[in-house]
């Protein structure tokens, strides 16, 4: 395992922890918290919008729906709150 891959993993882990912190931040809008929680629940539960008929349809929900929910939630966070967490 290279140093670059370890640093990339740590950066990704940091960004995931920021999302968890944002869920508990009182300045984060409720709709954002709901979208983040829905994304986590949807990823963890075995229920799919698209049936796992083939490998492609089985991955659609995991690689499109979950990131889309996170992206939409992140866009709804006020810029000041984002900057507070990006500076840490």
C-alpha atoms as a PDB file:
ATOM      1  CA  UNK A   1       0.000   0.000   0.000  1.00  0.00           C
ATOM      2  CA  UNK A   2       1.477   3.331  -1.056  1.00  0.00           C
ATOM      3  CA  UNK A   3       1.613   6.541   0.925  1.00  0.00           C
ATOM      4  CA  UNK A   4      -0.669   8.211  -1.649  1.00  0.00           C
ATOM      5  CA  UNK A   5      -3.377   5.604  -1.178  1.00  0.00           C
ATOM      6  CA  UNK A   6      -3.142   5.890   2.609  1.00  0.00           C
ATOM      7  CA  UNK A   7      -3.398   9.690   2.433  1.00  0.00           C
ATOM      8  CA  UNK A   8      -6.347   9.392   0.041  1.00  0.00           C
ATOM      9  CA  UNK A   9      -8.077   7.003   2.418  1.00  0.00           C
ATOM     10  CA  UNK A  10      -7.503   9.343   5.372  1.00  0.00           C
ATOM     11  CA  UNK A  11      -8.874  12.314   3.405  1.00  0.00           C
ATOM     12  CA  UNK A  12     -11.966  10.307   2.469  1.00  0.00           C
ATOM     13  CA  UNK A  13     -12.430   9.248   6.090  1.00  0.00           C
ATOM     14  CA  UNK A  14     -12.155  12.864   7.207  1.00  0.00           C
ATOM     15  CA  UNK A  15     -14.863  13.924   4.754  1.00  0.00           C
ATOM     16  CA  UNK A  16     -17.178  11.172   6.002  1.00  0.00           C
ATOM     17  CA  UNK A  17     -16.654  12.282   9.583  1.00  0.00           C
ATOM     18  CA  UNK A  18     -17.520  15.846   8.571  1.00  0.00           C
ATOM     19  CA  UNK A  19     -20.896  14.642   7.289  1.00  0.00           C
ATOM     20  CA  UNK A  20     -21.580  12.960  10.626  1.00  0.00           C
ATOM     21  CA  UNK A  21     -20.594  16.149  12.466  1.00  0.00           C
ATOM     22  CA  UNK A  22     -22.875  18.181  10.201  1.00  0.00           C
ATOM     23  CA  UNK A  23     -25.820  15.959  11.121  1.00  0.00           C
ATOM     24  CA  UNK A  24     -25.404  16.946  14.765  1.00  0.00           C
ATOM     25  CA  UNK A  25     -24.680  20.629  14.119  1.00  0.00           C
ATOM     26  CA  UNK A  26     -27.685  22.745  15.098  1.00  0.00           C
ATOM     27  CA  UNK A  27     -26.991  25.169  12.222  1.00  0.00           C
ATOM     28  CA  UNK A  28     -27.511  22.446   9.633  1.00  0.00           C
ATOM     29  CA  UNK A  29     -31.020  22.615   8.120  1.00  0.00           C
ATOM     30  CA  UNK A  30     -33.387  19.794   9.044  1.00  0.00           C
ATOM     31  CA  UNK A  31     -33.873  18.785   5.396  1.00  0.00           C
ATOM     32  CA  UNK A  32     -30.119  18.243   5.072  1.00  0.00           C
ATOM     33  CA  UNK A  33     -30.055  16.056   8.152  1.00  0.00           C
ATOM     34  CA  UNK A  34     -32.946  14.032   6.779  1.00  0.00           C
ATOM     35  CA  UNK A  35     -31.221  13.577   3.390  1.00  0.00           C
ATOM     36  CA  UNK A  36     -27.957  12.460   5.029  1.00  0.00           C
ATOM     37  CA  UNK A  37     -29.762  10.010   7.298  1.00  0.00           C
ATOM     38  CA  UNK A  38     -31.814   8.651   4.384  1.00  0.00           C
ATOM     39  CA  UNK A  39     -28.611   8.100   2.417  1.00  0.00           C
ATOM     40  CA  UNK A  40     -27.000   6.185   5.287  1.00  0.00           C
ATOM     41  CA  UNK A  41     -30.114   4.118   5.982  1.00  0.00           C
ATOM     42  CA  UNK A  42     -30.637   3.346   2.294  1.00  0.00           C
ATOM     43  CA  UNK A  43     -27.012   2.257   1.925  1.00  0.00           C
ATOM     44  CA  UNK A  44     -27.174  -0.031   4.967  1.00  0.00           C
ATOM     45  CA  UNK A  45     -30.587  -1.602   4.399  1.00  0.00           C
ATOM     46  CA  UNK A  46     -31.028  -4.407   1.874  1.00  0.00           C
ATOM     47  CA  UNK A  47     -34.028  -2.651   0.270  1.00  0.00           C
ATOM     48  CA  UNK A  48     -33.461  -1.369  -3.273  1.00  0.00           C
ATOM     49  CA  UNK A  49     -35.455   0.932  -5.549  1.00  0.00           C
ATOM     50  CA  UNK A  50     -34.026  -1.011  -8.466  1.00  0.00           C
ATOM     51  CA  UNK A  51     -34.224  -4.801  -8.108  1.00  0.00           C
ATOM     52  CA  UNK A  52     -30.928  -6.689  -8.248  1.00  0.00           C
ATOM     53  CA  UNK A  53     -31.854  -8.411 -11.510  1.00  0.00           C
ATOM     54  CA  UNK A  54     -28.400  -7.771 -12.901  1.00  0.00           C
ATOM     55  CA  UNK A  55     -25.159  -6.412 -11.547  1.00  0.00           C
ATOM     56  CA  UNK A  56     -25.737  -3.041 -13.171  1.00  0.00           C
ATOM     57  CA  UNK A  57     -29.216  -2.439 -11.763  1.00  0.00           C
ATOM     58  CA  UNK A  58     -28.040  -3.621  -8.368  1.00  0.00           C
ATOM     59  CA  UNK A  59     -25.291  -1.031  -8.306  1.00  0.00           C
ATOM     60  CA  UNK A  60     -27.385   1.857  -9.627  1.00  0.00           C
ATOM     61  CA  UNK A  61     -28.913   2.620  -6.262  1.00  0.00           C
ATOM     62  CA  UNK A  62     -25.624   2.365  -4.376  1.00  0.00           C
ATOM     63  CA  UNK A  63     -23.615   4.504  -6.781  1.00  0.00           C
ATOM     64  CA  UNK A  64     -26.242   7.008  -7.894  1.00  0.00           C
ATOM     65  CA  UNK A  65     -28.991   7.406  -5.294  1.00  0.00           C
ATOM     66  CA  UNK A  66     -26.808   7.525  -2.173  1.00  0.00           C
ATOM     67  CA  UNK A  67     -24.286  10.076  -3.554  1.00  0.00           C
ATOM     68  CA  UNK A  68     -27.162  12.113  -4.989  1.00  0.00           C
ATOM     69  CA  UNK A  69     -28.832  12.350  -1.570  1.00  0.00           C
ATOM     70  CA  UNK A  70     -25.538  13.387   0.030  1.00  0.00           C
ATOM     71  CA  UNK A  71     -24.849  15.928  -2.723  1.00  0.00           C
ATOM     72  CA  UNK A  72     -28.308  17.493  -2.427  1.00  0.00           C
ATOM     73  CA  UNK A  73     -28.016  17.664   1.340  1.00  0.00           C
ATOM     74  CA  UNK A  74     -24.573  19.232   1.154  1.00  0.00           C
ATOM     75  CA  UNK A  75     -25.793  21.898  -1.286  1.00  0.00           C
ATOM     76  CA  UNK A  76     -28.463  22.963   1.233  1.00  0.00           C
ATOM     77  CA  UNK A  77     -25.957  23.663   4.013  1.00  0.00           C
ATOM     78  CA  UNK A  78     -25.221  27.374   4.521  1.00  0.00           C
ATOM     79  CA  UNK A  79     -21.780  28.429   3.249  1.00  0.00           C
ATOM     80  CA  UNK A  80     -20.699  29.668   6.697  1.00  0.00           C
ATOM     81  CA  UNK A  81     -21.275  26.242   8.228  1.00  0.00           C
ATOM     82  CA  UNK A  82     -19.356  24.525   5.405  1.00  0.00           C
ATOM     83  CA  UNK A  83     -16.412  26.891   5.839  1.00  0.00           C
ATOM     84  CA  UNK A  84     -16.310  26.226   9.580  1.00  0.00           C
ATOM     85  CA  UNK A  85     -15.864  22.496   8.955  1.00  0.00           C
ATOM     86  CA  UNK A  86     -13.530  22.845   5.978  1.00  0.00           C
ATOM     87  CA  UNK A  87     -11.089  24.870   8.067  1.00  0.00           C
ATOM     88  CA  UNK A  88     -10.682  22.144  10.696  1.00  0.00           C
END
